[in-house]
Protein backbone atom coordinates (compact mmCIF):
# COMPACT_ATOMS: atom_id res chain seq x y z
CA MET A 1 -0.73 -16.36 69.89
CA GLN A 2 -2.14 -16.91 66.46
CA VAL A 3 0.26 -15.79 63.60
CA SER A 4 -2.70 -14.26 61.83
CA SER A 5 -3.44 -11.88 64.71
CA ILE A 6 -0.16 -10.24 64.58
CA ASN A 7 -0.13 -6.63 63.33
CA THR A 8 2.88 -6.97 61.16
CA LYS A 9 3.72 -3.21 61.06
CA SER A 10 3.28 -2.65 64.85
CA TYR A 11 5.24 -5.91 65.53
CA TYR A 12 8.16 -4.68 63.39
CA ASN A 13 8.18 -1.29 65.07
CA SER A 14 8.15 -2.82 68.53
CA ILE A 15 11.29 -4.88 67.86
CA GLY A 16 13.05 -2.01 65.91
CA TYR A 17 13.26 -3.94 62.61
CA ASN A 18 12.74 -2.25 59.22
CA PRO A 19 12.09 -4.74 56.40
CA TYR A 20 12.67 -1.99 53.91
CA PRO A 21 15.86 -0.21 55.00
CA LYS A 22 16.70 3.28 53.59
CA LYS A 23 19.01 3.35 50.62
CA ASN A 24 21.75 5.72 49.95
CA VAL A 25 20.79 7.11 46.58
CA SER A 26 21.32 10.24 44.49
CA ASN A 27 18.74 13.00 44.41
CA ASN A 28 17.84 12.03 40.79
CA THR A 29 17.09 8.41 41.61
CA PRO A 30 13.36 7.89 42.16
CA VAL A 31 12.41 5.93 45.21
CA ASN A 32 8.94 4.69 46.20
CA ASN A 33 7.45 4.43 49.72
CA SER A 34 8.84 0.90 50.10
CA GLY A 35 12.34 1.81 49.35
CA VAL A 36 12.45 0.30 45.83
CA ILE A 37 14.99 2.04 43.66
CA TYR A 38 13.79 2.39 40.04
CA ASN A 39 16.93 2.27 37.93
CA THR A 40 18.71 -0.16 35.73
CA ASN A 41 19.87 -2.20 38.83
CA ILE A 42 16.50 -2.58 40.38
CA LYS A 43 16.81 -3.98 44.06
CA PHE A 44 13.84 -5.36 46.09
CA SER A 45 13.31 -6.55 49.64
CA GLY A 46 10.46 -8.97 49.99
CA LEU A 47 8.55 -11.47 47.99
CA ASN A 48 7.54 -11.53 44.38
CA LYS A 49 10.74 -10.02 43.04
CA GLU A 50 10.24 -11.27 39.41
CA TYR A 51 6.80 -9.94 39.23
CA PHE A 52 7.76 -6.38 40.25
CA ILE A 53 10.84 -6.25 38.00
CA LYS A 54 8.56 -7.22 35.04
CA LEU A 55 5.83 -4.81 35.99
CA LEU A 56 8.13 -1.82 36.48
CA SER A 57 10.64 -2.26 33.56
CA LYS A 58 8.47 -3.84 30.85
CA ASP A 59 8.04 -1.80 27.64
CA PRO A 60 4.99 -3.37 25.98
CA ILE A 61 6.38 -2.90 22.51
CA LYS A 62 10.11 -3.24 22.98
CA GLU A 63 10.13 -6.84 22.30
CA PHE A 64 8.32 -6.53 18.94
CA LYS A 65 10.56 -6.37 15.91
CA ASN A 66 7.64 -4.67 14.12
CA PHE A 67 4.08 -3.90 15.11
CA THR A 68 1.29 -5.94 13.70
CA LYS A 69 -2.41 -6.53 14.30
CA GLU A 70 -1.44 -9.97 16.07
CA GLU A 71 0.98 -8.09 18.41
CA TYR A 72 -1.64 -5.49 19.21
CA LEU A 73 -4.07 -8.32 20.25
CA LYS A 74 -1.48 -9.58 22.73
CA LEU A 75 -1.44 -6.30 24.73
CA SER A 76 -3.49 -5.93 27.93
CA GLU A 77 -5.68 -2.97 28.40
CA ASN A 78 -3.18 -1.37 30.82
CA GLN A 79 -0.40 -1.81 28.23
CA LYS A 80 -2.67 -0.04 25.70
CA ASN A 81 -3.42 2.78 27.80
CA LYS A 82 0.28 3.34 28.50
CA LEU A 83 1.05 3.35 24.79
CA ARG A 84 -1.92 5.84 24.18
CA ALA A 85 -0.44 8.17 26.71
CA GLU A 86 3.06 7.85 25.04
CA TYR A 87 1.61 8.45 21.70
CA LYS A 88 -0.03 11.73 22.93
CA LYS A 89 3.54 13.07 23.46
CA LEU A 90 4.16 12.48 19.73
CA GLU A 91 1.00 14.39 18.94
CA GLU A 92 2.12 17.40 21.01
CA ASP A 93 5.57 17.47 19.36
CA ASP A 94 4.26 17.23 15.72
CA PRO A 95 0.44 17.60 15.57
CA TYR A 96 0.38 18.11 11.83
CA ILE A 97 1.39 14.38 11.28
CA TYR A 98 0.54 12.61 14.44
CA LYS A 99 -2.80 14.21 15.47
CA SER A 100 -4.85 12.55 12.79
CA LEU A 101 -2.47 9.78 11.75
CA GLY A 102 -4.65 6.88 12.72
CA GLU A 103 -7.93 8.51 11.32
CA MET A 104 -6.25 9.35 7.99
CA HIS A 105 -4.90 5.84 7.46
CA ALA A 106 -8.31 4.28 8.46
CA TYR A 107 -10.17 6.52 6.17
CA ALA A 108 -7.76 5.93 3.15
CA ALA A 109 -8.06 2.20 3.72
CA ASP A 110 -11.86 2.37 3.84
CA CYS A 111 -11.94 4.20 0.56
CA LEU A 112 -9.70 1.62 -1.09
CA LYS A 113 -11.79 -1.29 0.36
CA GLN A 114 -15.07 0.05 -0.58
CA THR A 115 -14.13 0.83 -4.16
CA PHE A 116 -12.41 -2.58 -4.71
CA ASP A 117 -15.17 -4.62 -3.05
CA LYS A 118 -17.72 -2.94 -5.34
CA ARG A 119 -15.69 -3.41 -8.48
CA PHE A 120 -14.16 -6.80 -7.92
CA GLY A 121 -16.21 -8.36 -5.15
CA GLU A 122 -15.11 -8.89 -1.44
CA ASN A 123 -11.98 -11.06 -1.00
CA ASN A 124 -11.57 -11.28 -4.74
CA TYR A 125 -8.49 -9.13 -5.16
CA VAL A 126 -4.91 -8.43 -4.05
CA VAL A 127 -3.67 -4.87 -3.58
CA LEU A 128 -0.02 -4.18 -4.49
CA PRO A 129 1.03 -0.71 -3.27
CA ILE A 130 4.18 0.54 -5.04
CA GLY A 131 7.10 2.10 -3.15
CA ARG A 132 7.15 3.63 0.30
CA SER A 133 4.63 6.37 -0.21
CA LEU A 134 1.53 4.17 0.15
CA SER A 135 3.04 1.32 2.06
CA SER A 136 1.74 2.43 5.46
CA ILE A 137 -1.86 2.91 3.99
CA GLY A 138 -1.45 -0.63 2.38
CA LYS A 139 -0.67 -1.93 5.82
CA ALA A 140 -3.68 -0.30 7.27
CA LEU A 141 -5.82 -1.76 4.57
CA ALA A 142 -4.30 -5.21 5.36
CA ILE A 143 -5.80 -4.90 8.88
CA LYS A 144 -9.24 -4.83 7.19
CA ILE A 145 -8.90 -7.33 4.46
CA GLY A 146 -6.13 -9.62 5.49
CA GLU A 147 -2.31 -9.42 5.33
CA GLU A 148 -2.29 -12.06 2.50
CA ASN A 149 -4.37 -9.69 0.29
CA VAL A 150 -1.94 -6.69 0.52
CA ILE A 151 1.69 -6.98 -0.66
CA ASN A 152 3.77 -3.77 -0.53
CA LEU A 153 6.23 -3.67 -3.54
CA PRO A 154 9.58 -1.90 -2.93
CA LEU A 155 9.77 -0.50 -6.43
CA SER A 156 11.14 3.08 -6.26
CA ASN A 157 11.23 5.38 -9.39
CA ALA A 158 9.34 2.76 -11.36
CA SER A 159 8.95 5.51 -14.06
CA ARG A 160 12.27 4.21 -15.61
CA PHE A 161 10.12 1.37 -17.05
CA TYR A 162 7.69 3.70 -18.90
CA PRO A 163 8.60 4.80 -22.37
CA SER A 164 7.71 8.40 -23.27
CA ALA A 165 6.15 7.30 -26.54
CA PRO A 166 3.77 4.19 -26.94
CA THR A 167 5.57 2.89 -30.04
CA LYS A 168 6.94 -0.51 -30.72
CA GLU A 169 10.57 0.73 -30.79
CA ALA A 170 10.16 2.42 -27.44
CA TYR A 171 8.65 -0.60 -25.94
CA GLU A 172 11.36 -2.87 -27.29
CA ASP A 173 14.03 -0.47 -25.71
CA LYS A 174 12.38 -0.79 -22.39
CA LEU A 175 12.26 -4.53 -22.61
CA THR A 176 16.12 -4.59 -23.13
CA PHE A 177 16.51 -2.20 -20.19
CA ILE A 178 14.31 -4.55 -17.99
CA LYS A 179 16.27 -7.62 -19.20
CA ASN A 180 19.65 -6.15 -18.29
CA ASN A 181 18.71 -4.55 -15.01
CA GLY A 182 17.95 -7.26 -12.41
CA ILE A 183 14.77 -8.84 -13.63
CA ASN A 184 15.78 -12.38 -12.52
CA ASN A 185 16.30 -11.17 -8.89
CA PHE A 186 12.99 -9.41 -9.05
CA LYS A 187 11.27 -12.61 -10.23
CA LYS A 188 12.93 -14.39 -7.26
CA PHE A 189 11.20 -11.76 -4.94
CA LEU A 190 7.91 -12.31 -6.66
CA GLU A 191 8.28 -16.05 -6.32
CA GLU A 192 8.89 -15.51 -2.39
CA LYS A 193 5.64 -13.45 -2.33
CA HIS A 194 3.63 -16.12 -4.36
CA LEU A 195 3.33 -13.76 -7.29
CA THR A 196 4.70 -15.73 -10.22
CA LYS A 197 3.23 -15.55 -13.67
CA GLN A 198 1.70 -19.08 -13.13
CA GLU A 199 0.13 -18.12 -9.86
CA ILE A 200 -1.44 -15.04 -11.39
CA GLU A 201 -2.84 -16.79 -14.31
CA ASN A 202 -4.20 -19.61 -12.23
CA SER A 203 -5.70 -17.23 -9.59
CA ASN A 204 -9.27 -16.06 -9.85
CA LYS A 205 -8.29 -12.86 -8.16
CA HIS A 206 -7.56 -9.36 -9.60
CA TYR A 207 -4.24 -7.76 -8.93
CA ILE A 208 -4.30 -4.05 -8.24
CA LEU A 209 -1.18 -1.89 -8.60
CA THR A 210 -1.72 1.38 -6.77
CA ASP A 211 0.34 4.46 -6.13
CA TYR A 212 0.22 8.08 -5.14
CA CYS A 213 0.65 9.86 -8.42
CA VAL A 214 1.90 13.31 -9.49
CA SER A 215 2.88 12.66 -13.06
CA GLY A 216 1.62 9.11 -12.97
CA PHE A 217 4.75 7.82 -14.73
CA SER A 218 5.81 5.55 -11.82
CA LEU A 219 2.40 3.80 -11.73
CA LYS A 220 2.27 3.41 -15.46
CA GLY A 221 5.96 2.21 -15.47
CA ALA A 222 5.09 -0.46 -12.80
CA GLU A 223 2.08 -1.47 -14.88
CA GLN A 224 4.10 -1.87 -18.05
CA LEU A 225 6.78 -3.81 -16.13
CA PHE A 226 4.22 -6.31 -14.74
CA LYS A 227 2.36 -6.65 -18.03
CA SER A 228 5.44 -7.45 -20.01
CA ASP A 229 6.10 -11.07 -20.81
CA PHE A 230 9.17 -10.83 -18.65
CA VAL A 231 6.92 -10.79 -15.55
CA TRP A 232 3.24 -11.51 -15.76
CA GLY A 233 2.18 -10.71 -19.37
CA ASN A 234 -1.55 -9.96 -19.33
CA LYS A 235 -3.27 -13.15 -20.46
CA LYS A 236 -6.29 -13.07 -18.19
CA ASN A 237 -6.62 -9.27 -18.12
CA ASN A 238 -6.65 -9.35 -14.29
CA ILE A 239 -3.94 -6.74 -13.72
CA HIS A 240 -5.19 -3.20 -12.92
CA SER A 241 -3.52 0.09 -12.01
CA VAL A 242 -5.11 2.64 -9.73
CA ASP A 243 -4.15 6.30 -9.08
CA PHE A 244 -4.86 6.58 -5.28
CA ILE A 245 -5.66 10.28 -5.44
CA LYS A 246 -8.07 9.88 -8.30
CA LEU A 247 -9.83 7.03 -6.34
CA LEU A 248 -9.98 9.28 -3.24
CA ASN A 249 -11.72 12.09 -5.16
CA THR A 250 -14.59 9.80 -6.05
CA PHE A 251 -15.67 9.95 -2.41
CA ASP A 252 -17.87 12.72 -0.75
CA GLU A 253 -16.07 14.36 2.20
CA GLU A 254 -19.38 15.64 3.45
CA THR A 255 -20.47 12.22 4.39
CA ILE A 256 -17.58 11.51 6.68
CA THR A 257 -18.31 10.80 10.20
CA PRO A 258 -17.33 13.36 13.12
CA PRO A 259 -13.97 12.01 14.38
CA ILE A 260 -11.88 13.12 11.27
CA LYS A 261 -14.11 16.04 10.24
CA LYS A 262 -13.44 17.70 13.67
CA GLU A 263 -9.69 17.38 13.17
CA MET A 264 -9.64 18.73 9.70
CA LYS A 265 -11.99 21.73 10.45
CA SER A 266 -12.22 23.64 7.18
CA THR A 267 -9.34 21.72 5.57
CA SER A 268 -10.24 19.25 2.89
CA ILE A 269 -9.31 15.72 4.01
CA HIS A 270 -8.47 14.83 0.58
CA ARG A 271 -6.21 17.82 0.13
CA LYS A 272 -4.36 17.05 3.32
CA LEU A 273 -3.78 13.59 2.49
CA GLU A 274 -2.38 14.58 -0.97
CA SER A 275 -0.16 17.26 0.64
CA ILE A 276 1.17 14.72 3.26
CA LEU A 277 2.01 12.09 0.52
CA TYR A 278 3.47 14.76 -1.83
CA GLU A 279 5.82 15.85 1.07
CA SER A 280 6.71 12.20 1.81
CA GLU A 281 5.49 12.68 5.44
CA TYR A 282 4.27 9.09 5.71
CA LYS A 283 7.43 7.53 4.49
CA PRO A 284 8.87 7.28 8.06
CA PHE A 285 6.16 4.75 8.75
CA ALA A 286 6.91 2.81 5.62
CA THR A 287 6.95 -1.01 5.97
CA ILE A 288 9.51 -1.39 3.37
CA ASP A 289 12.69 0.43 2.35
CA ARG A 290 13.68 2.08 -0.82
CA ALA A 291 14.82 -0.15 -3.71
CA SER A 292 16.58 1.80 -6.32
CA THR A 293 17.06 -1.15 -8.47
CA LEU A 294 15.25 -4.41 -9.23
CA ASN A 295 18.40 -6.12 -7.47
CA ASP A 296 17.53 -4.24 -4.29
CA THR A 297 13.88 -5.47 -4.06
CA THR A 298 14.33 -8.59 -1.74
CA ASP A 299 16.49 -6.67 0.76
CA ALA A 300 14.14 -3.59 0.86
CA SER A 301 11.18 -5.74 1.41
CA LYS A 302 12.72 -7.42 4.50
CA ALA A 303 13.67 -4.14 6.18
CA ILE A 304 11.97 -3.82 9.61
CA PHE A 305 12.40 0.00 9.86
CA ASN A 306 13.55 2.43 7.45
CA SER A 307 16.17 5.09 8.24
CA LEU A 308 13.73 8.03 8.43
CA THR A 309 12.51 7.40 12.04
CA THR A 310 13.42 5.74 15.26
CA PRO A 311 12.04 2.13 15.91
CA LYS A 312 10.35 3.49 19.01
CA GLU A 313 8.47 6.21 17.09
CA SER A 314 7.55 3.93 14.24
CA LYS A 315 6.29 1.36 16.61
CA LEU A 316 4.17 3.91 18.54
CA ALA A 317 2.78 5.24 15.33
CA TRP A 318 1.71 1.73 14.15
CA PHE A 319 0.19 1.02 17.60
CA HIS A 320 -1.92 4.15 17.16
CA ILE A 321 -3.02 3.30 13.63
CA ILE A 322 -3.98 -0.20 14.59
CA ASP A 323 -5.56 0.91 17.84
CA THR A 324 -7.69 3.50 15.91
CA ILE A 325 -8.93 0.80 13.50
CA MET A 326 -9.47 -1.96 16.06
CA THR A 327 -11.32 0.29 18.40
CA GLY A 328 -13.61 1.47 15.70
CA ASN A 329 -12.54 5.10 15.92
CA GLY A 330 -11.44 4.91 12.35
CA ASP A 331 -14.47 3.02 10.91
CA PHE A 332 -15.74 5.33 8.27
CA LYS A 333 -18.79 4.56 6.07
CA VAL A 334 -18.30 7.15 3.38
CA LYS A 335 -20.31 7.42 0.23
CA PRO A 336 -18.87 7.69 -3.29
CA VAL A 337 -19.57 10.90 -5.24
CA THR A 338 -20.72 8.93 -8.23
CA THR A 339 -21.02 5.33 -9.36
CA ASN A 340 -20.13 6.31 -12.98
CA THR A 341 -17.11 8.40 -13.68
CA LEU A 342 -15.36 11.52 -12.44
CA ASP A 343 -16.06 13.76 -15.49
CA ASN A 344 -19.01 12.34 -17.42
CA ASP A 345 -20.57 15.66 -18.68
CA ILE A 346 -21.24 17.38 -21.99
CA TRP A 347 -17.49 18.18 -22.55
CA HIS A 348 -16.31 14.52 -21.65
CA PRO A 349 -19.05 12.20 -22.96
CA ILE A 350 -18.40 8.45 -22.56
CA ALA A 351 -18.21 6.58 -25.80
CA PRO A 352 -20.99 4.21 -26.30
CA LYS A 353 -18.72 1.14 -25.84
CA GLN A 354 -16.31 2.63 -23.43
CA LYS A 355 -16.10 1.35 -19.87
CA VAL A 356 -14.66 3.73 -17.26
CA GLU A 357 -13.37 2.26 -14.07
CA LEU A 358 -14.65 3.77 -10.84
CA TRP A 359 -11.41 5.59 -10.17
CA ASN A 360 -10.67 6.86 -13.53
CA ASP A 361 -11.91 9.91 -15.65
CA VAL A 362 -12.92 9.54 -19.27
CA LYS A 363 -9.61 10.67 -20.85
CA THR A 364 -7.49 8.79 -18.35
CA GLN A 365 -9.33 5.64 -19.17
CA TYR A 366 -9.18 6.16 -22.91
CA LEU A 367 -5.29 6.82 -22.81
CA SER A 368 -4.84 3.59 -20.52
CA ASP A 369 -6.79 1.51 -22.75
CA LEU A 370 -5.09 2.74 -25.90
CA ARG A 371 -1.60 2.18 -24.58
CA ASN A 372 -2.47 -1.16 -23.38
CA ASP A 373 -3.52 -2.22 -26.78
CA ILE A 374 -0.71 -0.64 -28.51
CA ASN A 375 1.69 -2.56 -26.21
CA GLU A 376 -0.08 -5.89 -26.83
CA ILE A 377 0.31 -5.33 -30.60
CA SER A 378 3.95 -4.40 -29.99
CA LYS A 379 4.56 -7.72 -28.38
CA ILE A 380 3.13 -9.52 -31.58
CA LEU A 381 5.15 -7.43 -33.95
CA ILE A 382 8.45 -7.94 -31.93
CA LYS A 383 7.79 -11.71 -31.86
CA THR A 384 7.09 -12.04 -35.55
CA GLU A 385 9.39 -9.53 -37.23
CA SER A 386 12.38 -11.92 -37.44
CA LYS A 387 10.14 -15.00 -38.23
CA GLU A 388 9.53 -16.38 -41.65
CA LEU A 389 5.67 -16.70 -41.76
CA LYS A 390 4.54 -19.65 -43.99
CA ASN A 391 0.94 -19.69 -42.76
CA ASP A 392 -1.10 -17.46 -45.12
CA LYS A 393 -3.81 -16.79 -42.55
CA LEU A 394 -1.20 -15.67 -40.04
CA LYS A 395 0.43 -13.32 -42.61
CA GLN A 396 -2.91 -11.71 -43.36
CA SER A 397 -3.49 -11.37 -39.57
CA ILE A 398 -0.05 -9.76 -39.11
CA ASP A 399 -0.91 -7.40 -41.97
CA ASP A 400 -4.17 -6.41 -40.32
CA ILE A 401 -2.55 -6.00 -37.04
CA ASN A 402 0.08 -3.69 -38.58
CA GLY A 403 -2.67 -1.35 -40.06
CA ILE A 404 -4.44 -1.35 -36.67
CA TYR A 405 -1.20 -0.46 -35.03
CA ASN A 406 -0.61 2.67 -37.15
CA TYR A 407 -4.32 3.64 -36.57
CA LEU A 408 -3.86 3.40 -32.74
CA ILE A 409 -0.67 5.51 -32.89
CA ASN A 410 -2.52 8.12 -34.75
CA CYS A 411 -5.32 8.20 -32.04
CA TYR A 412 -2.61 8.52 -29.40
CA LYS A 413 -1.05 11.45 -31.25
CA LYS A 414 -4.53 13.19 -31.60
CA GLN A 415 -5.73 11.98 -28.21
CA ASN A 416 -8.13 14.93 -27.75
CA ASP A 417 -10.08 14.14 -30.80
CA ILE A 418 -13.56 12.82 -29.59
CA LYS A 419 -14.04 11.10 -32.96
CA ASN A 420 -10.96 9.15 -32.63
CA ARG A 421 -11.96 8.03 -29.11
CA PHE A 422 -15.48 6.96 -30.20
CA GLY A 423 -13.91 5.05 -33.14
CA PHE A 424 -11.32 3.26 -31.14
CA TYR A 425 -13.96 1.84 -28.75
CA ASP A 426 -16.28 0.93 -31.67
CA ILE A 427 -13.69 -1.44 -33.13
CA ARG A 428 -11.96 -2.46 -29.85
CA ALA A 429 -13.70 -5.79 -29.46
CA ASP A 430 -12.45 -6.73 -33.09
CA ILE A 431 -8.94 -5.64 -32.19
CA HIS A 432 -8.88 -7.91 -29.28
CA LYS A 433 -10.22 -10.81 -31.31
CA ILE A 434 -7.41 -10.37 -33.94
CA ILE A 435 -4.83 -10.17 -31.11
CA ASN A 436 -6.14 -13.34 -29.52
CA ASP A 437 -6.35 -15.21 -32.77
CA ILE A 438 -2.62 -14.36 -33.62
CA ASN A 439 -1.42 -15.38 -30.10
CA LYS A 440 -3.14 -18.69 -30.43
CA GLN A 441 -1.56 -19.31 -33.93
CA LEU A 442 1.91 -18.23 -32.49
CA GLU A 443 1.46 -20.66 -29.58
CA ALA A 444 0.49 -23.55 -31.87
C-alpha cells in the first residue's frame, strides 16, 4: 500500500494511537484543539516546534529598545494588525489622549514642515525642539524630513538663561551663570550631535530652536544661550527661534482633511493641541528625559524611555504615530491663513523696512530683533570695556555703538511706541554695518 494513500487520522484511530495526548492542565490554562498548552512552558508534539513557538509567543515590538521608522518597516502586515488591535485598547482606556494621538502629531509635523520649507527651502534646515514637551512632535517631523534634520535638545527650564532686562549688565550676569553651570559638558553633547560652533558656521543650513510657549522665556533663554559666544555666537545669522503655538495659528483649520476634523467635532484642533501641551500630556511619549542642568544633558538625551509611562505603552503609542504617518492617514495638506503676518492691520502696521517671519506677529518680531541687536552690542561693550583702544577709528566706532545702545534701550522701555519701532528699522542696516565693522577690527 502506498504511504500517500493512508488516511492518517483513520489509521491512528484504528490502532488506538493519539499523537496529541490530553494534558493535565488547570482550568485557566488555554489549550487548543491540538493539545498545545499556551503558557510560558510551551510544549509541542509534532514537527516545526520552533516555528510555532515563535508564532505564538512573539511580541512584535518587545525586542525593540525604542520604536523608529526603520523598525516599523521590518514589521509584517499581520504584526501591524496585531499592534493596531492592541492600540485600540489604549484608545478605549484614555480616548482624550490616544484617540487622535497619531493624527495630532502628523498634523503638527505637517504645519512645521510646510512653514520651514517655504521659509528656508526643503532640506535646508535643522529643527531643534527644546525639552520634552515638543520632543514627540519633533520625532514625528523627523519621519517626514529625516532623523538627521531633527535633534531634540534636553534643555529643561531654559528660562534660567534669559535675563529679565536686555541690558549689558544683565547679559554679563547670565554669561557668568552659563560659564559656571556645566557649559563644557553641554558643549560635549553638542559635539556628539555634530552641532559645534564650527559646524554651524560652515553649514549652509538654518538652525531652528522651537518650543511650546506660555511666557516664552524658555525659548528666549535657549536662543540667548545658543547665540552667546560660549556656544554658537550668531556670525552667520542662521539661528532662529519659533514659538510652536504662534506658528500653528498661522494655519487655517477649515482646510484640514476629514480624519482629524471628525475626531475634533466642534473643538478647535489648535486649542486641543495647546491644551495637551500645557497639561504635559505628550511628555510620556518624549524621546528624551528631563535635564535640569547642562551637566544632565548627555544622559537625558540617551534615555530610551522616560519615567512617565511604561515601555510597552510608549512603544505602542509610537507604533500608532508612525503607522498613521506611513499609511497616509495623517497626511494633511493644510493652507496657511496668511503669507504675511498674524496681525498686519491698521493697529499693527509693519514698519517699511521691517521683515516679519511667517510665525511671528509684528510686536513679537520687533522685540526679538531689538533684543538681538542689544545683545550683539553688549558683546562688543563687554569685550572692549577693559581694553586700551589705540586705534582712533575703533574708538570712534565704540562711541557710536554706545550711543546706539542707549537708543535701543530706550526703544525697549517704550516698546509700544510705533515711532520708535519705525525709527529702529529705519537705521537697523546702519547698526549692523557698525557692529560688523567693529567685530572685524577686534578680530584683526
